[in-house]
């Protein structure tokens, strides 16, 4: 699977938003990423993911981590997300 194919899958998954808090975080993440193309260095983590299932799992882990650990009084959502991108 090419990086561009992974980006397309990733972007599509972020636009499928359910009606709970965890799902609503996808919209924030979508806005934060901005450009869904291979020149966006923020999407480099996708090179380590090898399937649609792995991409979905990555998104689910991020949203779960935000729900469980994010403290909006002491950190920004952007910093929290970029930390996850960098460190997993």
PDB file of N, CA and C in Angstrom:
ATOM      1  N   UNK A   1       0.853  -1.165   0.000  1.00  0.00           N
ATOM      2  CA  UNK A   1       0.000   0.000   0.000  1.00  0.00           C
ATOM      3  C   UNK A   1       0.909   1.242   0.000  1.00  0.00           C
ATOM      4  N   UNK A   2       0.623   2.176  -0.883  1.00  0.00           N
ATOM      5  CA  UNK A   2       1.436   3.393  -0.973  1.00  0.00           C
ATOM      6  C   UNK A   2       1.050   4.374   0.133  1.00  0.00           C
ATOM      7  N   UNK A   3       1.916   5.350   0.363  1.00  0.00           N
ATOM      8  CA  UNK A   3       1.624   6.382   1.348  1.00  0.00           C
ATOM      9  C   UNK A   3       0.363   7.151   0.959  1.00  0.00           C
ATOM     10  N   UNK A   4       0.208   7.453  -0.311  1.00  0.00           N
ATOM     11  CA  UNK A   4      -0.990   8.183  -0.748  1.00  0.00           C
ATOM     12  C   UNK A   4      -2.266   7.389  -0.490  1.00  0.00           C
ATOM     13  N   UNK A   5      -2.227   6.078  -0.681  1.00  0.00           N
ATOM     14  CA  UNK A   5      -3.394   5.239  -0.387  1.00  0.00           C
ATOM     15  C   UNK A   5      -3.700   5.256   1.112  1.00  0.00           C
ATOM     16  N   UNK A   6      -2.654   5.213   1.926  1.00  0.00           N
ATOM     17  CA  UNK A   6      -2.824   5.262   3.378  1.00  0.00           C
ATOM     18  C   UNK A   6      -3.425   6.597   3.810  1.00  0.00           C
ATOM     19  N   UNK A   7      -2.967   7.670   3.195  1.00  0.00           N
ATOM     20  CA  UNK A   7      -3.485   9.008   3.515  1.00  0.00           C
ATOM     21  C   UNK A   7      -4.969   9.095   3.183  1.00  0.00           C
ATOM     22  N   UNK A   8      -5.362   8.538   2.048  1.00  0.00           N
ATOM     23  CA  UNK A   8      -6.771   8.552   1.659  1.00  0.00           C
ATOM     24  C   UNK A   8      -7.609   7.791   2.676  1.00  0.00           C
ATOM     25  N   UNK A   9      -7.147   6.623   3.085  1.00  0.00           N
ATOM     26  CA  UNK A   9      -7.871   5.832   4.088  1.00  0.00           C
ATOM     27  C   UNK A   9      -7.943   6.606   5.400  1.00  0.00           C
ATOM     28  N   UNK A  10      -6.832   7.172   5.817  1.00  0.00           N
ATOM     29  CA  UNK A  10      -6.760   7.925   7.068  1.00  0.00           C
ATOM     30  C   UNK A  10      -7.747   9.093   7.049  1.00  0.00           C
ATOM     31  N   UNK A  11      -7.732   9.858   5.972  1.00  0.00           N
ATOM     32  CA  UNK A  11      -8.640  11.003   5.858  1.00  0.00           C
ATOM     33  C   UNK A  11     -10.103  10.556   5.895  1.00  0.00           C
ATOM     34  N   UNK A  12     -10.423   9.492   5.172  1.00  0.00           N
ATOM     35  CA  UNK A  12     -11.806   9.001   5.161  1.00  0.00           C
ATOM     36  C   UNK A  12     -12.249   8.559   6.555  1.00  0.00           C
ATOM     37  N   UNK A  13     -11.364   7.912   7.287  1.00  0.00           N
ATOM     38  CA  UNK A  13     -11.712   7.454   8.631  1.00  0.00           C
ATOM     39  C   UNK A  13     -11.968   8.629   9.572  1.00  0.00           C
ATOM     40  N   UNK A  14     -11.281   9.728   9.368  1.00  0.00           N
ATOM     41  CA  UNK A  14     -11.483  10.902  10.223  1.00  0.00           C
ATOM     42  C   UNK A  14     -12.773  11.641   9.905  1.00  0.00           C
ATOM     43  N   UNK A  15     -13.349  11.359   8.741  1.00  0.00           N
ATOM     44  CA  UNK A  15     -14.600  12.031   8.391  1.00  0.00           C
ATOM     45  C   UNK A  15     -15.831  11.204   8.787  1.00  0.00           C
ATOM     46  N   UNK A  16     -15.614   9.989   9.245  1.00  0.00           N
ATOM     47  CA  UNK A  16     -16.709   9.149   9.736  1.00  0.00           C
ATOM     48  C   UNK A  16     -16.814   9.404  11.236  1.00  0.00           C
ATOM     49  N   UNK A  17     -17.770  10.256  11.603  1.00  0.00           N
ATOM     50  CA  UNK A  17     -17.864  10.694  12.999  1.00  0.00           C
ATOM     51  C   UNK A  17     -19.187  10.227  13.593  1.00  0.00           C
ATOM     52  N   UNK A  18     -19.072   9.483  14.682  1.00  0.00           N
ATOM     53  CA  UNK A  18     -20.250   9.016  15.398  1.00  0.00           C
ATOM     54  C   UNK A  18     -20.775  10.088  16.334  1.00  0.00           C
ATOM     55  N   UNK A  19     -21.672   9.681  17.204  1.00  0.00           N
ATOM     56  CA  UNK A  19     -22.330  10.660  18.072  1.00  0.00           C
ATOM     57  C   UNK A  19     -21.850  10.613  19.523  1.00  0.00           C
ATOM     58  N   UNK A  20     -20.627  10.138  19.749  1.00  0.00           N
ATOM     59  CA  UNK A  20     -20.092  10.171  21.113  1.00  0.00           C
ATOM     60  C   UNK A  20     -18.853  11.067  21.172  1.00  0.00           C
ATOM     61  N   UNK A  21     -18.410  11.353  22.373  1.00  0.00           N
ATOM     62  CA  UNK A  21     -17.289  12.284  22.560  1.00  0.00           C
ATOM     63  C   UNK A  21     -16.022  11.808  21.862  1.00  0.00           C
ATOM     64  N   UNK A  22     -15.693  10.539  22.007  1.00  0.00           N
ATOM     65  CA  UNK A  22     -14.469  10.011  21.393  1.00  0.00           C
ATOM     66  C   UNK A  22     -14.499  10.189  19.877  1.00  0.00           C
ATOM     67  N   UNK A  23     -15.630   9.915  19.281  1.00  0.00           N
ATOM     68  CA  UNK A  23     -15.769  10.069  17.832  1.00  0.00           C
ATOM     69  C   UNK A  23     -15.665  11.539  17.413  1.00  0.00           C
ATOM     70  N   UNK A  24     -16.182  12.430  18.237  1.00  0.00           N
ATOM     71  CA  UNK A  24     -16.140  13.855  17.891  1.00  0.00           C
ATOM     72  C   UNK A  24     -14.707  14.390  17.852  1.00  0.00           C
ATOM     73  N   UNK A  25     -13.789  13.715  18.518  1.00  0.00           N
ATOM     74  CA  UNK A  25     -12.393  14.138  18.510  1.00  0.00           C
ATOM     75  C   UNK A  25     -11.753  14.008  17.130  1.00  0.00           C
ATOM     76  N   UNK A  26     -12.318  13.151  16.305  1.00  0.00           N
ATOM     77  CA  UNK A  26     -11.801  12.988  14.948  1.00  0.00           C
ATOM     78  C   UNK A  26     -11.858  14.305  14.175  1.00  0.00           C
ATOM     79  N   UNK A  27     -12.889  15.091  14.402  1.00  0.00           N
ATOM     80  CA  UNK A  27     -13.010  16.376  13.708  1.00  0.00           C
ATOM     81  C   UNK A  27     -11.872  17.309  14.100  1.00  0.00           C
ATOM     82  N   UNK A  28     -11.523  17.322  15.386  1.00  0.00           N
ATOM     83  CA  UNK A  28     -10.390  18.137  15.839  1.00  0.00           C
ATOM     84  C   UNK A  28      -9.104  17.674  15.179  1.00  0.00           C
ATOM     85  N   UNK A  29      -8.945  16.371  15.123  1.00  0.00           N
ATOM     86  CA  UNK A  29      -7.742  15.804  14.530  1.00  0.00           C
ATOM     87  C   UNK A  29      -7.674  16.122  13.034  1.00  0.00           C
ATOM     88  N   UNK A  30      -8.812  16.037  12.359  1.00  0.00           N
ATOM     89  CA  UNK A  30      -8.883  16.344  10.936  1.00  0.00           C
ATOM     90  C   UNK A  30      -8.428  17.787  10.681  1.00  0.00           C
ATOM     91  N   UNK A  31      -8.933  18.698  11.472  1.00  0.00           N
ATOM     92  CA  UNK A  31      -8.583  20.119  11.325  1.00  0.00           C
ATOM     93  C   UNK A  31      -7.098  20.333  11.617  1.00  0.00           C
ATOM     94  N   UNK A  32      -6.591  19.668  12.635  1.00  0.00           N
ATOM     95  CA  UNK A  32      -5.185  19.817  13.014  1.00  0.00           C
ATOM     96  C   UNK A  32      -4.244  19.368  11.901  1.00  0.00           C
ATOM     97  N   UNK A  33      -4.557  18.253  11.267  1.00  0.00           N
ATOM     98  CA  UNK A  33      -3.703  17.732  10.199  1.00  0.00           C
ATOM     99  C   UNK A  33      -3.697  18.685   9.009  1.00  0.00           C
ATOM    100  N   UNK A  34      -4.850  19.189   8.628  1.00  0.00           N
ATOM    101  CA  UNK A  34      -4.933  20.184   7.562  1.00  0.00           C
ATOM    102  C   UNK A  34      -4.783  19.615   6.175  1.00  0.00           C
ATOM    103  N   UNK A  35      -3.572  19.442   5.718  1.00  0.00           N
ATOM    104  CA  UNK A  35      -3.317  18.982   4.362  1.00  0.00           C
ATOM    105  C   UNK A  35      -3.103  17.474   4.346  1.00  0.00           C
ATOM    106  N   UNK A  36      -3.959  16.784   3.657  1.00  0.00           N
ATOM    107  CA  UNK A  36      -3.858  15.336   3.556  1.00  0.00           C
ATOM    108  C   UNK A  36      -3.159  14.974   2.251  1.00  0.00           C
ATOM    109  N   UNK A  37      -1.843  15.223   2.239  1.00  0.00           N
ATOM    110  CA  UNK A  37      -1.032  14.831   1.097  1.00  0.00           C
ATOM    111  C   UNK A  37       0.342  14.388   1.591  1.00  0.00           C
ATOM    112  N   UNK A  38       1.086  13.753   0.726  1.00  0.00           N
ATOM    113  CA  UNK A  38       2.358  13.140   1.118  1.00  0.00           C
ATOM    114  C   UNK A  38       3.430  14.149   1.509  1.00  0.00           C
ATOM    115  N   UNK A  39       3.245  15.414   1.204  1.00  0.00           N
ATOM    116  CA  UNK A  39       4.231  16.419   1.597  1.00  0.00           C
ATOM    117  C   UNK A  39       4.051  16.884   3.043  1.00  0.00           C
ATOM    118  N   UNK A  40       2.939  16.501   3.683  1.00  0.00           N
ATOM    119  CA  UNK A  40       2.672  16.866   5.067  1.00  0.00           C
ATOM    120  C   UNK A  40       3.460  15.934   5.979  1.00  0.00           C
ATOM    121  N   UNK A  41       4.478  16.450   6.629  1.00  0.00           N
ATOM    122  CA  UNK A  41       5.357  15.639   7.475  1.00  0.00           C
ATOM    123  C   UNK A  41       4.633  15.053   8.685  1.00  0.00           C
ATOM    124  N   UNK A  42       3.534  15.650   9.083  1.00  0.00           N
ATOM    125  CA  UNK A  42       2.758  15.124  10.207  1.00  0.00           C
ATOM    126  C   UNK A  42       2.173  13.746   9.905  1.00  0.00           C
ATOM    127  N   UNK A  43       2.081  13.402   8.644  1.00  0.00           N
ATOM    128  CA  UNK A  43       1.516  12.118   8.253  1.00  0.00           C
ATOM    129  C   UNK A  43       2.578  11.032   8.063  1.00  0.00           C
ATOM    130  N   UNK A  44       3.804  11.340   8.397  1.00  0.00           N
ATOM    131  CA  UNK A  44       4.890  10.381   8.247  1.00  0.00           C
ATOM    132  C   UNK A  44       4.692   9.093   9.029  1.00  0.00           C
ATOM    133  N   UNK A  45       3.960   9.162  10.131  1.00  0.00           N
ATOM    134  CA  UNK A  45       3.709   7.967  10.942  1.00  0.00           C
ATOM    135  C   UNK A  45       2.971   6.883  10.156  1.00  0.00           C
ATOM    136  N   UNK A  46       2.273   7.284   9.096  1.00  0.00           N
ATOM    137  CA  UNK A  46       1.530   6.305   8.300  1.00  0.00           C
ATOM    138  C   UNK A  46       2.445   5.304   7.604  1.00  0.00           C
ATOM    139  N   UNK A  47       3.698   5.644   7.423  1.00  0.00           N
ATOM    140  CA  UNK A  47       4.626   4.705   6.784  1.00  0.00           C
ATOM    141  C   UNK A  47       4.798   3.441   7.618  1.00  0.00           C
ATOM    142  N   UNK A  48       4.589   3.551   8.935  1.00  0.00           N
ATOM    143  CA  UNK A  48       4.727   2.394   9.826  1.00  0.00           C
ATOM    144  C   UNK A  48       3.462   1.542   9.892  1.00  0.00           C
ATOM    145  N   UNK A  49       2.379   2.007   9.306  1.00  0.00           N
ATOM    146  CA  UNK A  49       1.115   1.275   9.324  1.00  0.00           C
ATOM    147  C   UNK A  49       0.939   0.589   7.973  1.00  0.00           C
ATOM    148  N   UNK A  50       0.511  -0.666   8.000  1.00  0.00           N
ATOM    149  CA  UNK A  50       0.528  -1.458   6.774  1.00  0.00           C
ATOM    150  C   UNK A  50      -0.831  -1.852   6.216  1.00  0.00           C
ATOM    151  N   UNK A  51      -1.903  -1.494   6.913  1.00  0.00           N
ATOM    152  CA  UNK A  51      -3.225  -1.893   6.426  1.00  0.00           C
ATOM    153  C   UNK A  51      -4.281  -0.904   6.911  1.00  0.00           C
ATOM    154  N   UNK A  52      -5.450  -1.017   6.326  1.00  0.00           N
ATOM    155  CA  UNK A  52      -6.572  -0.182   6.757  1.00  0.00           C
ATOM    156  C   UNK A  52      -6.889  -0.456   8.221  1.00  0.00           C
ATOM    157  N   UNK A  53      -6.826  -1.703   8.623  1.00  0.00           N
ATOM    158  CA  UNK A  53      -7.115  -2.072  10.005  1.00  0.00           C
ATOM    159  C   UNK A  53      -6.133  -1.418  10.975  1.00  0.00           C
ATOM    160  N   UNK A  54      -4.863  -1.370  10.611  1.00  0.00           N
ATOM    161  CA  UNK A  54      -3.861  -0.724  11.467  1.00  0.00           C
ATOM    162  C   UNK A  54      -4.114   0.778  11.570  1.00  0.00           C
ATOM    163  N   UNK A  55      -4.540   1.396  10.498  1.00  0.00           N
ATOM    164  CA  UNK A  55      -4.856   2.829  10.511  1.00  0.00           C
ATOM    165  C   UNK A  55      -6.054   3.085  11.426  1.00  0.00           C
ATOM    166  N   UNK A  56      -7.075   2.259  11.306  1.00  0.00           N
ATOM    167  CA  UNK A  56      -8.256   2.411  12.163  1.00  0.00           C
ATOM    168  C   UNK A  56      -7.882   2.203  13.626  1.00  0.00           C
ATOM    169  N   UNK A  57      -7.079   1.200  13.904  1.00  0.00           N
ATOM    170  CA  UNK A  57      -6.635   0.937  15.277  1.00  0.00           C
ATOM    171  C   UNK A  57      -5.844   2.117  15.826  1.00  0.00           C
ATOM    172  N   UNK A  58      -4.992   2.714  14.999  1.00  0.00           N
ATOM    173  CA  UNK A  58      -4.195   3.865  15.423  1.00  0.00           C
ATOM    174  C   UNK A  58      -5.108   5.018  15.826  1.00  0.00           C
ATOM    175  N   UNK A  59      -6.128   5.275  15.016  1.00  0.00           N
ATOM    176  CA  UNK A  59      -7.079   6.350  15.317  1.00  0.00           C
ATOM    177  C   UNK A  59      -7.841   6.039  16.605  1.00  0.00           C
ATOM    178  N   UNK A  60      -8.269   4.801  16.760  1.00  0.00           N
ATOM    179  CA  UNK A  60      -9.005   4.411  17.964  1.00  0.00           C
ATOM    180  C   UNK A  60      -8.148   4.554  19.222  1.00  0.00           C
ATOM    181  N   UNK A  61      -6.880   4.193  19.119  1.00  0.00           N
ATOM    182  CA  UNK A  61      -5.976   4.338  20.274  1.00  0.00           C
ATOM    183  C   UNK A  61      -5.793   5.802  20.634  1.00  0.00           C
ATOM    184  N   UNK A  62      -5.632   6.649  19.621  1.00  0.00           N
ATOM    185  CA  UNK A  62      -5.472   8.080  19.887  1.00  0.00           C
ATOM    186  C   UNK A  62      -6.714   8.650  20.559  1.00  0.00           C
ATOM    187  N   UNK A  63      -7.878   8.357  20.030  1.00  0.00           N
ATOM    188  CA  UNK A  63      -9.088   8.922  20.624  1.00  0.00           C
ATOM    189  C   UNK A  63      -9.301   8.385  22.039  1.00  0.00           C
ATOM    190  N   UNK A  64      -8.996   7.117  22.254  1.00  0.00           N
ATOM    191  CA  UNK A  64      -9.110   6.552  23.607  1.00  0.00           C
ATOM    192  C   UNK A  64      -8.141   7.223  24.566  1.00  0.00           C
ATOM    193  N   UNK A  65      -6.935   7.452  24.109  1.00  0.00           N
ATOM    194  CA  UNK A  65      -5.933   8.098  24.955  1.00  0.00           C
ATOM    195  C   UNK A  65      -6.355   9.521  25.316  1.00  0.00           C
ATOM    196  N   UNK A  66      -6.931  10.234  24.369  1.00  0.00           N
ATOM    197  CA  UNK A  66      -7.400  11.593  24.655  1.00  0.00           C
ATOM    198  C   UNK A  66      -8.499  11.556  25.707  1.00  0.00           C
ATOM    199  N   UNK A  67      -9.453  10.646  25.526  1.00  0.00           N
ATOM    200  CA  UNK A  67     -10.558  10.544  26.481  1.00  0.00           C
ATOM    201  C   UNK A  67     -10.037  10.227  27.881  1.00  0.00           C
ATOM    202  N   UNK A  68      -9.058   9.339  27.967  1.00  0.00           N
ATOM    203  CA  UNK A  68      -8.587   8.876  29.270  1.00  0.00           C
ATOM    204  C   UNK A  68      -7.542   9.777  29.915  1.00  0.00           C
ATOM    205  N   UNK A  69      -6.690  10.438  29.117  1.00  0.00           N
ATOM    206  CA  UNK A  69      -5.538  11.111  29.698  1.00  0.00           C
ATOM    207  C   UNK A  69      -5.437  12.609  29.442  1.00  0.00           C
ATOM    208  N   UNK A  70      -6.173  13.130  28.496  1.00  0.00           N
ATOM    209  CA  UNK A  70      -6.033  14.541  28.145  1.00  0.00           C
ATOM    210  C   UNK A  70      -6.604  15.426  29.243  1.00  0.00           C
ATOM    211  N   UNK A  71      -5.809  16.400  29.658  1.00  0.00           N
ATOM    212  CA  UNK A  71      -6.228  17.366  30.671  1.00  0.00           C
ATOM    213  C   UNK A  71      -6.234  18.747  30.029  1.00  0.00           C
ATOM    214  N   UNK A  72      -7.409  19.215  29.649  1.00  0.00           N
ATOM    215  CA  UNK A  72      -7.510  20.467  28.904  1.00  0.00           C
ATOM    216  C   UNK A  72      -7.066  21.682  29.705  1.00  0.00           C
ATOM    217  N   UNK A  73      -6.924  21.541  31.007  1.00  0.00           N
ATOM    218  CA  UNK A  73      -6.487  22.661  31.831  1.00  0.00           C
ATOM    219  C   UNK A  73      -4.967  22.817  31.853  1.00  0.00           C
ATOM    220  N   UNK A  74      -4.244  21.745  31.538  1.00  0.00           N
ATOM    221  CA  UNK A  74      -2.782  21.820  31.625  1.00  0.00           C
ATOM    222  C   UNK A  74      -2.067  21.597  30.302  1.00  0.00           C
ATOM    223  N   UNK A  75      -2.780  21.210  29.244  1.00  0.00           N
ATOM    224  CA  UNK A  75      -2.133  20.966  27.958  1.00  0.00           C
ATOM    225  C   UNK A  75      -3.089  21.283  26.818  1.00  0.00           C
ATOM    226  N   UNK A  76      -2.527  21.465  25.642  1.00  0.00           N
ATOM    227  CA  UNK A  76      -3.367  21.738  24.474  1.00  0.00           C
ATOM    228  C   UNK A  76      -3.611  20.436  23.719  1.00  0.00           C
ATOM    229  N   UNK A  77      -4.740  20.375  23.041  1.00  0.00           N
ATOM    230  CA  UNK A  77      -5.070  19.181  22.264  1.00  0.00           C
ATOM    231  C   UNK A  77      -4.041  18.971  21.153  1.00  0.00           C
ATOM    232  N   UNK A  78      -3.556  20.057  20.557  1.00  0.00           N
ATOM    233  CA  UNK A  78      -2.551  19.953  19.498  1.00  0.00           C
ATOM    234  C   UNK A  78      -1.280  19.300  20.018  1.00  0.00           C
ATOM    235  N   UNK A  79      -0.790  19.754  21.171  1.00  0.00           N
ATOM    236  CA  UNK A  79       0.416  19.169  21.748  1.00  0.00           C
ATOM    237  C   UNK A  79       0.204  17.696  22.079  1.00  0.00           C
ATOM    238  N   UNK A  80      -0.949  17.377  22.606  1.00  0.00           N
ATOM    239  CA  UNK A  80      -1.269  16.005  22.974  1.00  0.00           C
ATOM    240  C   UNK A  80      -1.252  15.108  21.737  1.00  0.00           C
ATOM    241  N   UNK A  81      -1.880  15.551  20.674  1.00  0.00           N
ATOM    242  CA  UNK A  81      -1.946  14.760  19.441  1.00  0.00           C
ATOM    243  C   UNK A  81      -0.570  14.623  18.814  1.00  0.00           C
ATOM    244  N   UNK A  82       0.184  15.708  18.731  1.00  0.00           N
ATOM    245  CA  UNK A  82       1.516  15.618  18.125  1.00  0.00           C
ATOM    246  C   UNK A  82       2.453  14.754  18.959  1.00  0.00           C
ATOM    247  N   UNK A  83       2.276  14.745  20.262  1.00  0.00           N
ATOM    248  CA  UNK A  83       3.059  13.847  21.104  1.00  0.00           C
ATOM    249  C   UNK A  83       2.753  12.396  20.750  1.00  0.00           C
ATOM    250  N   UNK A  84       1.492  12.086  20.541  1.00  0.00           N
ATOM    251  CA  UNK A  84       1.103  10.730  20.162  1.00  0.00           C
ATOM    252  C   UNK A  84       1.677  10.372  18.809  1.00  0.00           C
ATOM    253  N   UNK A  85       1.648  11.301  17.864  1.00  0.00           N
ATOM    254  CA  UNK A  85       2.209  11.060  16.544  1.00  0.00           C
ATOM    255  C   UNK A  85       3.708  10.764  16.658  1.00  0.00           C
ATOM    256  N   UNK A  86       4.401  11.550  17.455  1.00  0.00           N
ATOM    257  CA  UNK A  86       5.848  11.404  17.595  1.00  0.00           C
ATOM    258  C   UNK A  86       6.252  10.152  18.389  1.00  0.00           C
ATOM    259  N   UNK A  87       5.557   9.903  19.497  1.00  0.00           N
ATOM    260  CA  UNK A  87       5.993   8.865  20.426  1.00  0.00           C
ATOM    261  C   UNK A  87       5.114   7.626  20.457  1.00  0.00           C
ATOM    262  N   UNK A  88       3.935   7.722  19.873  1.00  0.00           N
ATOM    263  CA  UNK A  88       3.023   6.586  19.856  1.00  0.00           C
ATOM    264  C   UNK A  88       2.316   6.347  21.159  1.00  0.00           C
TER     265      UNK A  88
END
